[in-house]
Protein backbone atom coordinates (compact mmCIF):
# COMPACT_ATOMS: atom_id res chain seq x y z
CA MET A 1 0.79 206.17 247.31
CA HIS A 2 1.30 202.45 246.79
CA GLU A 3 -0.89 200.20 248.93
CA VAL A 4 2.16 198.68 250.64
CA ARG A 5 3.38 202.09 251.70
CA GLU A 6 -0.09 202.88 253.02
CA ARG A 7 0.14 199.79 255.21
CA VAL A 8 3.58 200.86 256.42
CA GLU A 9 2.26 204.29 257.38
CA LYS A 10 -0.41 202.58 259.51
CA LEU A 11 2.36 200.58 261.23
CA ALA A 12 4.49 203.66 261.94
CA GLU A 13 3.96 203.81 265.70
CA GLU A 14 4.49 200.07 266.17
CA LEU A 15 7.68 200.08 264.10
CA ALA A 16 9.05 202.96 266.15
CA ALA A 17 8.03 201.36 269.43
CA ARG A 18 9.99 198.18 268.70
CA ALA A 19 13.18 199.84 267.46
CA GLU A 20 14.83 199.73 270.88
CA GLU A 21 13.86 196.07 271.28
CA ALA A 22 15.56 195.30 267.96
CA ASP A 23 18.81 196.75 269.31
CA ALA A 24 18.56 194.61 272.43
CA LEU A 25 17.85 191.45 270.43
CA GLY A 26 20.50 192.10 267.80
CA CYS A 27 17.91 191.45 265.08
CA LEU A 28 14.37 192.46 264.19
CA PRO A 29 11.74 191.26 266.66
CA ASP A 30 9.62 188.49 265.18
CA ASP A 31 6.56 190.73 265.36
CA THR A 32 8.28 193.45 263.31
CA ALA A 33 9.41 190.96 260.67
CA GLU A 34 5.91 189.56 260.43
CA GLN A 35 4.39 193.02 260.10
CA LEU A 36 6.73 193.85 257.23
CA ARG A 37 5.98 190.47 255.67
CA ALA A 38 2.22 190.93 255.97
CA ALA A 39 2.45 194.47 254.58
CA GLY A 40 4.18 193.10 251.48
CA VAL A 41 7.31 195.25 251.73
CA VAL A 42 9.63 192.51 250.44
CA ARG A 43 7.24 191.58 247.61
CA LEU A 44 7.28 195.02 246.01
CA LEU A 45 9.95 194.06 243.43
CA GLN A 46 8.75 190.46 243.15
CA PRO A 47 7.10 189.21 239.93
CA VAL A 48 3.33 189.26 239.80
CA GLU A 49 3.48 185.58 238.85
CA TYR A 50 4.76 184.86 242.37
CA ALA A 51 2.28 187.10 244.22
CA GLY A 52 4.54 190.12 243.93
CA PHE A 53 3.65 193.67 242.95
CA GLU A 54 6.26 194.41 240.25
CA ALA A 55 6.11 197.94 241.64
CA SER A 56 8.15 200.77 240.22
CA PRO A 57 11.58 201.29 241.81
CA VAL A 58 10.46 204.68 243.16
CA GLU A 59 7.52 203.05 244.95
CA PHE A 60 9.85 200.49 246.50
CA PHE A 61 12.39 203.04 247.69
CA GLU A 62 9.70 205.38 249.01
CA THR A 63 8.47 202.46 251.12
CA VAL A 64 11.97 201.76 252.43
CA LEU A 65 12.24 205.43 253.36
CA ALA A 66 8.91 205.24 255.20
CA VAL A 67 9.99 202.15 257.19
CA GLY A 68 13.49 203.38 258.00
CA ALA A 69 12.36 206.78 259.24
CA ARG A 70 10.49 204.92 262.03
CA SER A 71 12.97 202.10 262.66
CA ALA A 72 16.47 202.25 261.21
CA ALA A 73 16.99 198.50 261.54
CA ALA A 74 13.67 197.67 259.92
CA GLY A 75 14.42 200.09 257.10
CA TRP A 76 17.84 198.56 256.53
CA VAL A 77 16.42 195.04 256.36
CA SER A 78 13.53 196.19 254.16
CA GLY A 79 16.00 197.69 251.70
CA VAL A 80 18.56 194.89 251.62
CA VAL A 81 16.19 191.92 251.79
CA GLY A 82 13.55 193.73 249.75
CA VAL A 83 15.85 194.31 246.79
CA HIS A 84 16.77 190.62 246.41
CA PRO A 85 13.55 189.65 244.58
CA PHE A 86 14.73 191.98 241.82
CA GLU A 87 17.66 189.63 241.18
CA ILE A 88 15.84 186.37 241.90
CA ALA A 89 13.22 187.36 239.30
CA GLN A 90 16.03 187.19 236.72
CA ALA A 91 17.39 183.84 237.89
CA ASP A 92 16.61 180.41 236.49
CA ARG A 93 12.88 179.72 236.79
CA ARG A 94 13.68 176.62 238.86
CA VAL A 95 15.25 178.86 241.52
CA GLN A 96 12.17 181.06 241.58
CA ASP A 97 9.92 178.03 241.99
CA GLU A 98 12.11 176.68 244.81
CA ILE A 99 12.04 179.96 246.71
CA TRP A 100 8.53 181.30 246.06
CA GLY A 101 6.60 178.30 244.74
CA LEU A 102 5.18 177.22 248.10
CA ASP A 103 5.45 180.53 249.98
CA PRO A 104 5.74 183.83 248.07
CA ASP A 105 6.62 185.55 251.37
CA THR A 106 9.94 183.69 251.62
CA TRP A 107 12.80 186.12 252.29
CA VAL A 108 16.30 185.89 250.81
CA ALA A 109 19.44 187.25 252.52
CA SER A 110 22.90 188.01 251.11
CA PRO A 111 25.87 189.33 250.99
CA TYR A 112 27.59 189.47 247.61
CA ALA A 113 31.22 189.88 248.70
CA PRO A 114 33.26 187.20 246.86
CA PHE A 115 34.40 185.36 250.00
CA GLY A 116 33.25 181.93 248.84
CA ARG A 117 35.18 179.40 246.79
CA ALA A 118 33.40 177.12 244.33
CA ARG A 119 34.99 174.02 242.80
CA ARG A 120 33.42 172.44 239.74
CA VAL A 121 31.81 169.00 240.11
CA GLU A 122 29.25 167.11 238.05
CA GLY A 123 26.03 169.11 237.85
CA GLY A 124 27.25 172.11 239.84
CA TYR A 125 29.79 173.20 242.42
CA ARG A 126 31.10 172.36 245.89
CA PHE A 127 30.95 175.68 247.72
CA SER A 128 32.49 176.89 251.00
CA GLY A 129 33.12 180.19 252.75
CA ARG A 130 32.25 182.62 255.49
CA TRP A 131 30.55 185.96 254.93
CA PRO A 132 29.94 188.82 257.39
CA PHE A 133 27.03 191.28 257.24
CA SER A 134 24.08 189.08 256.25
CA SER A 135 21.38 191.62 257.12
CA GLY A 136 18.03 190.29 258.29
CA THR A 137 19.29 186.73 257.99
CA ASP A 138 17.38 185.47 261.05
CA HIS A 139 14.13 185.85 259.14
CA CYS A 140 15.35 184.51 255.79
CA GLU A 141 15.09 180.97 254.45
CA TRP A 142 17.45 181.40 251.50
CA VAL A 143 20.65 183.32 250.83
CA VAL A 144 22.50 184.59 247.75
CA LEU A 145 26.28 184.78 248.26
CA GLY A 146 29.26 185.95 246.29
CA GLY A 147 32.08 183.59 245.43
CA LEU A 148 34.83 182.77 242.97
CA LEU A 149 35.11 179.78 240.67
CA VAL A 150 38.42 178.06 241.48
CA ASP A 151 40.38 175.05 240.27
CA ASP A 152 41.35 172.09 242.44
CA ASP A 153 44.31 174.11 243.78
CA GLY A 154 42.08 177.03 244.80
CA ARG A 155 43.15 179.39 242.02
CA PRO A 156 40.45 181.66 240.53
CA GLN A 157 39.42 180.66 237.01
CA PRO A 158 39.74 183.36 234.34
CA PRO A 159 38.39 185.38 232.74
CA GLU A 160 35.52 186.30 235.11
CA PRO A 161 35.38 183.94 238.11
CA PHE A 162 32.84 185.93 240.16
CA ARG A 163 29.38 184.36 240.60
CA HIS A 164 26.33 184.57 242.88
CA PHE A 165 25.32 181.31 244.56
CA VAL A 166 21.78 180.74 245.85
CA LEU A 167 21.33 178.31 248.75
CA PRO A 168 18.52 177.19 251.10
CA ARG A 169 18.77 177.52 254.87
CA ARG A 170 19.63 173.86 255.37
CA ASP A 171 22.94 174.42 253.52
CA TYR A 172 24.33 177.26 255.64
CA GLU A 173 24.77 178.23 259.26
CA VAL A 174 24.07 181.60 260.87
CA LEU A 175 26.62 182.56 263.53
CA HIS A 176 24.40 184.28 266.06
CA ASP A 177 27.21 185.67 268.24
CA SER A 178 28.98 187.37 265.34
CA TRP A 179 26.99 190.64 265.32
CA GLN A 180 28.63 192.78 268.02
CA VAL A 181 28.51 196.38 266.79
CA MET A 182 27.81 199.95 267.89
CA GLY A 183 25.22 200.79 265.24
CA LEU A 184 22.47 199.11 263.25
CA GLN A 185 22.40 196.46 265.95
CA GLY A 186 18.80 195.60 265.16
CA SER A 187 19.58 194.75 261.54
CA GLY A 188 20.96 191.38 262.67
CA SER A 189 23.67 191.47 260.00
CA LYS A 190 25.31 188.28 261.21
CA ASP A 191 27.97 186.04 259.68
CA VAL A 192 26.94 183.01 257.66
CA VAL A 193 29.09 179.94 257.01
CA ILE A 194 28.95 177.27 254.32
CA ARG A 195 31.01 174.10 254.61
CA ASP A 196 31.32 172.22 251.33
CA ALA A 197 27.70 172.51 250.18
CA PHE A 198 26.61 171.36 246.75
CA VAL A 199 25.11 174.12 244.58
CA PRO A 200 23.47 172.91 241.34
CA ASP A 201 24.13 174.83 238.17
CA HIS A 202 20.65 176.34 238.05
CA ARG A 203 21.31 178.14 241.37
CA VAL A 204 24.42 179.93 240.09
CA ILE A 205 24.02 183.43 238.64
CA ASP A 206 26.62 185.22 236.53
CA PRO A 207 26.60 188.94 237.50
CA ALA A 208 27.64 189.78 233.94
CA ASP A 209 24.34 188.30 232.73
CA LEU A 210 22.50 190.56 235.16
CA ARG A 211 24.52 193.56 234.08
CA GLU A 212 24.02 193.02 230.36
CA GLY A 213 20.33 192.09 230.57
CA ARG A 214 20.81 188.50 229.45
CA ALA A 215 19.50 187.06 232.71
CA ALA A 216 16.16 188.87 232.44
CA GLN A 217 15.78 187.73 228.83
CA VAL A 218 16.46 184.09 229.67
CA ALA A 219 14.03 184.28 232.60
CA GLY A 220 11.36 185.60 230.22
CA ARG A 221 11.24 189.06 231.76
CA GLY A 222 13.37 191.08 229.38
CA ASP A 223 10.35 193.14 228.36
CA VAL A 224 9.43 194.11 231.95
CA PRO A 225 10.84 197.61 232.61
CA LEU A 226 11.52 196.87 236.28
CA TYR A 227 13.91 194.07 235.41
CA ARG A 228 15.75 196.23 232.89
CA MET A 229 17.00 198.49 235.67
CA PRO A 230 20.78 198.32 236.33
CA ASN A 231 21.41 195.55 238.85
CA HIS A 232 24.32 197.16 240.74
CA THR A 233 22.54 200.49 240.96
CA MET A 234 19.40 198.87 242.32
CA PHE A 235 21.24 197.20 245.17
CA ALA A 236 23.26 200.33 245.95
CA SER A 237 20.03 202.33 245.95
CA ALA A 238 18.59 200.07 248.64
CA ILE A 239 21.50 201.06 250.89
CA ILE A 240 21.11 204.74 250.02
CA ALA A 241 17.36 204.67 250.73
CA ALA A 242 17.93 203.05 254.12
CA THR A 243 20.61 205.63 254.90
CA LEU A 244 18.46 208.62 253.96
CA ALA A 245 15.58 207.14 255.94
CA MET A 246 17.72 207.19 259.07
CA ALA A 247 18.57 210.84 258.44
CA GLU A 248 14.87 211.68 258.11
CA GLY A 249 14.13 209.84 261.34
CA ALA A 250 16.95 211.61 263.13
CA VAL A 251 15.72 215.05 262.09
CA ALA A 252 12.17 214.21 263.15
CA HIS A 253 13.37 213.17 266.61
CA ALA A 254 15.58 216.26 266.86
CA VAL A 255 12.50 218.41 266.29
CA ALA A 256 10.63 216.55 269.01
CA HIS A 257 13.58 216.83 271.38
CA LEU A 258 14.08 220.56 270.84
CA ARG A 259 10.38 221.18 271.45
CA MET A 260 10.66 219.53 274.86
CA ARG A 261 14.16 220.69 275.80
CA PRO A 262 14.13 223.12 278.73
CA THR A 263 16.16 226.29 278.25
CA ALA A 264 16.57 229.49 280.20
CA ALA A 265 14.26 231.22 277.72
CA GLY A 266 11.80 228.34 277.76
CA ARG A 267 12.22 227.65 274.05
CA PRO A 268 14.96 226.69 271.56
CA SER A 269 17.33 229.48 270.58
CA ALA A 270 17.18 231.13 267.20
CA ALA A 271 20.58 229.62 266.43
CA ASP A 272 19.33 226.11 267.21
CA LEU A 273 16.28 226.62 265.01
CA GLY A 274 18.49 227.92 262.23
CA VAL A 275 20.64 224.81 262.35
CA LEU A 276 17.53 222.65 262.33
CA GLY A 277 16.04 224.50 259.36
CA ALA A 278 19.19 224.18 257.27
CA ALA A 279 19.59 220.51 258.18
CA THR A 280 15.99 219.73 257.31
CA ALA A 281 16.48 221.34 253.90
CA ASP A 282 19.64 219.33 253.26
CA VAL A 283 18.01 216.01 254.16
CA ALA A 284 14.98 216.85 252.01
CA ALA A 285 17.28 217.78 249.12
CA SER A 286 19.02 214.42 249.40
CA ARG A 287 15.69 212.61 249.22
CA VAL A 288 14.52 214.57 246.18
CA HIS A 289 17.85 214.09 244.38
CA PHE A 290 17.84 210.36 245.07
CA LEU A 291 14.26 209.66 243.97
CA ALA A 292 14.52 211.89 240.90
CA ASP A 293 17.53 209.90 239.69
CA ILE A 294 15.71 206.61 240.24
CA GLN A 295 12.77 207.92 238.21
CA ARG A 296 15.17 209.14 235.51
CA MET A 297 16.58 205.63 235.10
CA TYR A 298 13.13 204.08 235.14
CA ASP A 299 11.96 206.45 232.40
CA VAL A 300 14.85 205.25 230.22
CA VAL A 301 14.03 201.56 230.62
CA CYS A 302 10.29 202.15 230.25
CA ALA A 303 11.07 203.73 226.88
CA GLY A 304 12.95 200.58 225.87
CA GLY A 305 16.45 201.93 226.43
CA ARG A 306 19.37 200.90 228.60
CA VAL A 307 20.98 203.07 231.27
CA ASP A 308 24.50 203.68 229.99
CA LEU A 309 27.69 203.62 232.06
CA ALA A 310 28.07 207.40 232.20
CA THR A 311 24.57 207.80 233.63
CA ARG A 312 25.09 205.00 236.14
CA VAL A 313 28.30 206.59 237.36
CA GLU A 314 26.67 210.01 237.57
CA ILE A 315 23.78 208.63 239.59
CA ARG A 316 26.04 206.73 241.96
CA ARG A 317 28.05 209.95 242.42
CA ASN A 318 24.84 211.76 243.28
CA GLN A 319 23.83 209.01 245.70
CA VAL A 320 27.00 209.02 247.77
CA ARG A 321 26.84 212.80 247.87
CA ALA A 322 23.21 212.65 249.01
CA SER A 323 24.19 210.34 251.88
CA ARG A 324 27.06 212.58 252.93
CA ARG A 325 24.88 215.69 252.75
CA ALA A 326 22.26 214.04 254.94
CA VAL A 327 24.75 212.71 257.51
CA ASP A 328 26.49 216.06 257.82
CA ALA A 329 23.10 217.70 258.37
CA VAL A 330 22.24 215.25 261.15
CA ASP A 331 25.63 215.81 262.78
CA ARG A 332 24.94 219.54 262.94
CA VAL A 333 21.55 218.95 264.51
CA PHE A 334 22.89 216.41 266.98
CA ALA A 335 25.47 218.95 268.14
CA VAL A 336 22.77 221.43 269.24
CA THR A 337 20.58 218.93 271.12
CA GLY A 338 22.77 219.15 274.21
CA GLY A 339 23.32 216.42 276.76
CA GLY A 340 19.75 215.23 276.36
CA GLY A 341 20.58 213.93 272.91
CA LEU A 342 23.03 211.48 274.48
CA ARG A 343 20.54 209.78 276.76
CA SER A 344 19.94 206.12 276.01
CA ASP A 345 16.19 206.66 276.24
CA ASN A 346 16.32 209.30 273.51
CA PRO A 347 15.85 207.67 270.05
CA LEU A 348 17.97 210.43 268.52
CA GLN A 349 21.23 208.89 269.74
CA ARG A 350 20.27 205.53 268.20
CA TYR A 351 19.53 207.14 264.84
CA TRP A 352 22.86 208.95 265.02
CA ARG A 353 24.74 205.71 265.73
CA ASP A 354 22.82 203.75 263.12
CA LEU A 355 23.35 206.44 260.51
CA HIS A 356 27.12 206.46 261.00
CA ALA A 357 27.19 202.68 260.93
CA GLY A 358 25.34 202.73 257.61
CA MET A 359 27.93 205.08 256.16
CA ASN A 360 30.52 202.32 256.51
CA HIS A 361 28.75 200.25 253.86
CA ILE A 362 30.72 200.15 250.62
CA CYS A 363 27.78 201.61 248.70
CA ASN A 364 28.17 204.79 250.76
CA VAL A 365 31.93 205.08 250.20
CA ALA A 366 32.22 208.25 248.15
CA ASP A 367 35.77 208.70 246.83
CA PRO A 368 35.66 205.91 244.19
CA MET A 369 32.45 207.37 242.79
CA TYR A 370 33.85 210.89 242.64
CA ASP A 371 36.99 209.54 240.97
CA ALA A 372 34.95 207.55 238.42
CA ASP A 373 32.86 210.59 237.56
CA GLY A 374 35.97 212.71 237.05
CA ARG A 375 37.65 210.07 234.92
CA LEU A 376 34.69 209.82 232.57
CA ARG A 377 34.37 213.58 232.28
CA PHE A 378 37.98 213.89 231.17
CA GLY A 379 38.07 210.84 228.94
CA HIS A 380 40.10 208.54 231.17
CA PRO A 381 39.34 204.81 231.48
CA LEU A 382 37.73 203.47 234.63
CA PRO A 383 39.47 200.92 236.84
CA PRO A 384 38.20 197.39 236.00
CA GLY A 385 36.08 197.06 239.14
CA LEU A 386 34.12 200.23 238.42
CA THR A 387 33.01 199.31 234.91
CA ALA A 388 30.46 196.95 236.48
CA ILE A 389 28.58 199.79 238.19
């Protein structure tokens, strides 16, 4: 067990105890964020040069699972914010120095949706936009955002206008009233706004460079197996890990609830226990499938290879199926917990809401992955957007 995960296990009761408070606040409590920071959760994928661990991907995702099983919101933030050092480690060294040079515990938010517009000026770009779903942003001092390169008339510039833009907190605004949702309330996934900020060239990342491995080479980390992992798959895996963690937490609370639930016989029915047993097996299967695929990719890059498109598509197919399998299992369990499962003081209902909220993330949307897998199997080309998986 990695030392960071050991620290998380020692924090288990405190993480669980503050989960309800996170919902009420609409973001992680400061104490929870500081505990995760002190434990080193967000430094797991960070370069050793900047006080990171350069841990294996499996160790990182196992830690996210451990956090999220105790607090869904904390697990979500640990996954999303915790995966960003993987990309920043492949950015221009000046960006890394700006973010981690003075404080290696600096957190970076996102999202990557291309809602920004960047117009070329001397030395960089003028950048504007508004982005929803910036998870954990209250506790972050930097952000990496998706945007399109446009001309003076606002038209995207061919052939590949999509870029990631990295900005410090002084250049963007967090809209604190924007996160009004029914699930994952404690993740604080608020909107951020940028109004005509200047972004120098060294803070602009081409996703194609990440995808093809050029970014890691230029950053001097092309020989580090961790940074040879597929970029898109790594981010998607952070969402999957946080999702599976919620399913594990839900099943654990269902067990506790059924033990205490009064019945005419004084104990859960055989039917209820049967549902619980099958659901537990399905959630466990999802975890094993997910982590085995991560290890499979890591073995490839450790041997000096690259994870090809067919394997990336297969693994993403497996991931969305793992999420669906786990959610369906939790739904079956939730249905046999009776009215007690609906009580606001029962953590089970929060896990159920958070889990379904997490399934709305694009990385959990299954049909495009099933379609891509089928297309490759029968020799058909993939739609342009899916070739970047």
